[in-house]
Amino acid sequence: MGQNLGSLYGLLVIPFNNEDRSNSRDEENEIREATLRAIGEAAYFLAEKRGFTPGHELEDWLEAETQVMK
């Protein structure tokens, strides 16, 4: 090893406090909720396109998840 970590060390050490952690969790929750809403809406439209034929809910959800995550 023996490498100089001077510039790299600054990237690895990130100031941290509980407030930052709380804000980060709030943002993560908002993103997660928005993603789930988008997937739900996309799944609804896929089901609607099929005429709401029962038995395809999981298929619709997984396809919607793929679409939203692209």
N, C-alpha and C. Protein backbone atom coordinates (compact mmCIF):
# COMPACT_ATOMS: atom_id res chain seq x y z
N MET A 1 0.83 -1.17 0.00
CA MET A 1 0.00 0.00 0.00
C MET A 1 0.88 1.24 0.00
N GLY A 2 1.00 1.92 1.12
CA GLY A 2 1.90 3.06 1.20
C GLY A 2 1.56 4.19 0.24
N GLN A 3 0.33 4.25 -0.22
CA GLN A 3 -0.05 5.31 -1.16
C GLN A 3 -0.45 6.56 -0.40
N ASN A 4 -0.24 7.70 -1.02
CA ASN A 4 -0.65 8.96 -0.44
C ASN A 4 -2.15 9.10 -0.61
N LEU A 5 -2.88 9.17 0.50
CA LEU A 5 -4.34 9.28 0.46
C LEU A 5 -4.81 10.71 0.65
N GLY A 6 -3.92 11.67 0.58
CA GLY A 6 -4.26 13.06 0.85
C GLY A 6 -5.53 13.53 0.16
N SER A 7 -5.57 13.53 -1.16
CA SER A 7 -6.75 14.04 -1.87
C SER A 7 -7.92 13.07 -1.75
N LEU A 8 -7.67 11.80 -1.70
CA LEU A 8 -8.72 10.80 -1.58
C LEU A 8 -9.38 10.87 -0.21
N TYR A 9 -8.58 11.14 0.82
CA TYR A 9 -9.09 11.18 2.18
C TYR A 9 -10.20 12.22 2.32
N GLY A 10 -10.04 13.35 1.69
CA GLY A 10 -11.05 14.40 1.75
C GLY A 10 -12.38 13.95 1.19
N LEU A 11 -12.37 13.07 0.22
CA LEU A 11 -13.60 12.55 -0.36
C LEU A 11 -14.26 11.51 0.53
N LEU A 12 -13.45 10.82 1.33
CA LEU A 12 -13.97 9.75 2.17
C LEU A 12 -14.54 10.25 3.48
N VAL A 13 -14.06 11.37 3.97
CA VAL A 13 -14.51 11.90 5.24
C VAL A 13 -15.60 12.93 4.97
N ILE A 14 -16.80 12.60 5.39
CA ILE A 14 -17.95 13.46 5.15
C ILE A 14 -18.48 13.93 6.49
N PRO A 15 -18.63 15.25 6.67
CA PRO A 15 -19.20 15.74 7.93
C PRO A 15 -20.58 15.14 8.11
N PHE A 16 -20.90 14.79 9.36
CA PHE A 16 -22.16 14.09 9.61
C PHE A 16 -22.72 14.53 10.95
N ASN A 17 -24.01 14.80 10.97
CA ASN A 17 -24.69 15.02 12.24
C ASN A 17 -26.10 14.45 12.12
N ASN A 18 -26.79 14.36 13.23
CA ASN A 18 -28.11 13.74 13.24
C ASN A 18 -29.12 14.48 12.37
N GLU A 19 -28.99 15.80 12.27
CA GLU A 19 -29.92 16.57 11.45
C GLU A 19 -29.77 16.19 9.97
N ASP A 20 -28.53 16.07 9.52
CA ASP A 20 -28.28 15.64 8.14
C ASP A 20 -28.89 14.27 7.90
N ARG A 21 -28.74 13.39 8.85
CA ARG A 21 -29.25 12.02 8.73
C ARG A 21 -30.77 12.03 8.65
N SER A 22 -31.41 12.86 9.46
CA SER A 22 -32.87 12.96 9.46
C SER A 22 -33.38 13.50 8.13
N ASN A 23 -32.74 14.55 7.62
CA ASN A 23 -33.13 15.12 6.33
C ASN A 23 -32.95 14.11 5.21
N SER A 24 -31.86 13.35 5.29
CA SER A 24 -31.59 12.34 4.28
C SER A 24 -32.68 11.27 4.28
N ARG A 25 -33.09 10.85 5.47
CA ARG A 25 -34.16 9.85 5.57
C ARG A 25 -35.47 10.39 5.03
N ASP A 26 -35.77 11.65 5.33
CA ASP A 26 -37.00 12.26 4.82
C ASP A 26 -36.99 12.28 3.30
N GLU A 27 -35.86 12.66 2.72
CA GLU A 27 -35.75 12.71 1.27
C GLU A 27 -35.88 11.31 0.68
N GLU A 28 -35.25 10.33 1.31
CA GLU A 28 -35.34 8.95 0.83
C GLU A 28 -36.78 8.46 0.88
N ASN A 29 -37.49 8.78 1.95
CA ASN A 29 -38.90 8.38 2.07
C ASN A 29 -39.76 9.04 1.00
N GLU A 30 -39.51 10.32 0.73
CA GLU A 30 -40.26 11.03 -0.31
C GLU A 30 -40.01 10.40 -1.68
N ILE A 31 -38.77 10.08 -1.95
CA ILE A 31 -38.42 9.45 -3.23
C ILE A 31 -39.08 8.09 -3.34
N ARG A 32 -39.01 7.31 -2.25
CA ARG A 32 -39.62 5.97 -2.24
C ARG A 32 -41.14 6.07 -2.47
N GLU A 33 -41.80 7.00 -1.78
CA GLU A 33 -43.24 7.17 -1.94
C GLU A 33 -43.61 7.61 -3.35
N ALA A 34 -42.85 8.54 -3.90
CA ALA A 34 -43.11 9.00 -5.26
C ALA A 34 -42.91 7.87 -6.27
N THR A 35 -41.90 7.06 -6.05
CA THR A 35 -41.62 5.92 -6.94
C THR A 35 -42.77 4.92 -6.87
N LEU A 36 -43.22 4.61 -5.67
CA LEU A 36 -44.33 3.66 -5.52
C LEU A 36 -45.61 4.20 -6.15
N ARG A 37 -45.86 5.50 -6.01
CA ARG A 37 -47.04 6.10 -6.66
C ARG A 37 -46.94 5.98 -8.17
N ALA A 38 -45.76 6.27 -8.72
CA ALA A 38 -45.56 6.19 -10.17
C ALA A 38 -45.75 4.75 -10.66
N ILE A 39 -45.24 3.79 -9.92
CA ILE A 39 -45.40 2.38 -10.30
C ILE A 39 -46.88 2.00 -10.24
N GLY A 40 -47.56 2.41 -9.18
CA GLY A 40 -48.99 2.12 -9.05
C GLY A 40 -49.80 2.70 -10.19
N GLU A 41 -49.50 3.93 -10.56
CA GLU A 41 -50.22 4.55 -11.68
C GLU A 41 -49.94 3.82 -12.99
N ALA A 42 -48.68 3.48 -13.22
CA ALA A 42 -48.33 2.77 -14.44
C ALA A 42 -49.00 1.40 -14.48
N ALA A 43 -49.04 0.71 -13.33
CA ALA A 43 -49.71 -0.60 -13.26
C ALA A 43 -51.20 -0.46 -13.54
N TYR A 44 -51.80 0.61 -13.03
CA TYR A 44 -53.22 0.86 -13.29
C TYR A 44 -53.47 1.00 -14.79
N PHE A 45 -52.66 1.80 -15.46
CA PHE A 45 -52.85 2.01 -16.89
C PHE A 45 -52.61 0.75 -17.70
N LEU A 46 -51.67 -0.08 -17.26
CA LEU A 46 -51.46 -1.36 -17.93
C LEU A 46 -52.70 -2.25 -17.76
N ALA A 47 -53.25 -2.28 -16.56
CA ALA A 47 -54.46 -3.07 -16.31
C ALA A 47 -55.64 -2.53 -17.10
N GLU A 48 -55.74 -1.21 -17.15
CA GLU A 48 -56.82 -0.59 -17.92
C GLU A 48 -56.73 -0.96 -19.39
N LYS A 49 -55.52 -0.92 -19.91
CA LYS A 49 -55.28 -1.26 -21.31
C LYS A 49 -55.72 -2.70 -21.62
N ARG A 50 -55.62 -3.57 -20.64
CA ARG A 50 -56.00 -4.97 -20.78
C ARG A 50 -57.47 -5.20 -20.45
N GLY A 51 -58.18 -4.14 -20.06
CA GLY A 51 -59.58 -4.28 -19.71
C GLY A 51 -59.78 -4.78 -18.29
N PHE A 52 -58.80 -4.59 -17.42
CA PHE A 52 -58.86 -4.99 -16.02
C PHE A 52 -59.15 -6.48 -15.82
N THR A 53 -58.66 -7.29 -16.74
CA THR A 53 -58.81 -8.74 -16.61
C THR A 53 -58.09 -9.19 -15.35
N PRO A 54 -58.81 -9.87 -14.43
CA PRO A 54 -58.16 -10.28 -13.17
C PRO A 54 -57.09 -11.35 -13.40
N GLY A 55 -56.18 -11.42 -12.43
CA GLY A 55 -55.14 -12.44 -12.46
C GLY A 55 -53.82 -11.97 -13.02
N HIS A 56 -53.73 -10.69 -13.38
CA HIS A 56 -52.50 -10.16 -13.97
C HIS A 56 -51.90 -9.03 -13.13
N GLU A 57 -52.33 -8.93 -11.88
CA GLU A 57 -51.89 -7.82 -11.04
C GLU A 57 -50.39 -7.79 -10.84
N LEU A 58 -49.81 -8.94 -10.51
CA LEU A 58 -48.36 -8.99 -10.29
C LEU A 58 -47.61 -8.69 -11.59
N GLU A 59 -48.08 -9.25 -12.67
CA GLU A 59 -47.47 -9.00 -13.98
C GLU A 59 -47.51 -7.50 -14.30
N ASP A 60 -48.66 -6.87 -14.05
CA ASP A 60 -48.78 -5.43 -14.30
C ASP A 60 -47.83 -4.64 -13.42
N TRP A 61 -47.75 -5.02 -12.14
CA TRP A 61 -46.88 -4.30 -11.21
C TRP A 61 -45.41 -4.42 -11.64
N LEU A 62 -44.99 -5.63 -11.98
CA LEU A 62 -43.59 -5.83 -12.37
C LEU A 62 -43.26 -5.11 -13.67
N GLU A 63 -44.17 -5.11 -14.62
CA GLU A 63 -43.95 -4.37 -15.87
C GLU A 63 -43.89 -2.87 -15.60
N ALA A 64 -44.78 -2.38 -14.74
CA ALA A 64 -44.79 -0.96 -14.39
C ALA A 64 -43.50 -0.58 -13.67
N GLU A 65 -43.03 -1.45 -12.79
CA GLU A 65 -41.78 -1.21 -12.08
C GLU A 65 -40.62 -1.10 -13.07
N THR A 66 -40.61 -1.98 -14.04
CA THR A 66 -39.55 -1.92 -15.07
C THR A 66 -39.61 -0.61 -15.84
N GLN A 67 -40.81 -0.19 -16.21
CA GLN A 67 -40.98 1.05 -16.96
C GLN A 67 -40.52 2.27 -16.15
N VAL A 68 -40.93 2.32 -14.89
CA VAL A 68 -40.61 3.48 -14.06
C VAL A 68 -39.12 3.55 -13.75
N MET A 69 -38.50 2.42 -13.57
CA MET A 69 -37.09 2.42 -13.19
C MET A 69 -36.14 2.69 -14.35
N LYS A 70 -36.64 2.70 -15.55
CA LYS A 70 -35.77 2.98 -16.72
C LYS A 70 -35.32 4.42 -16.73
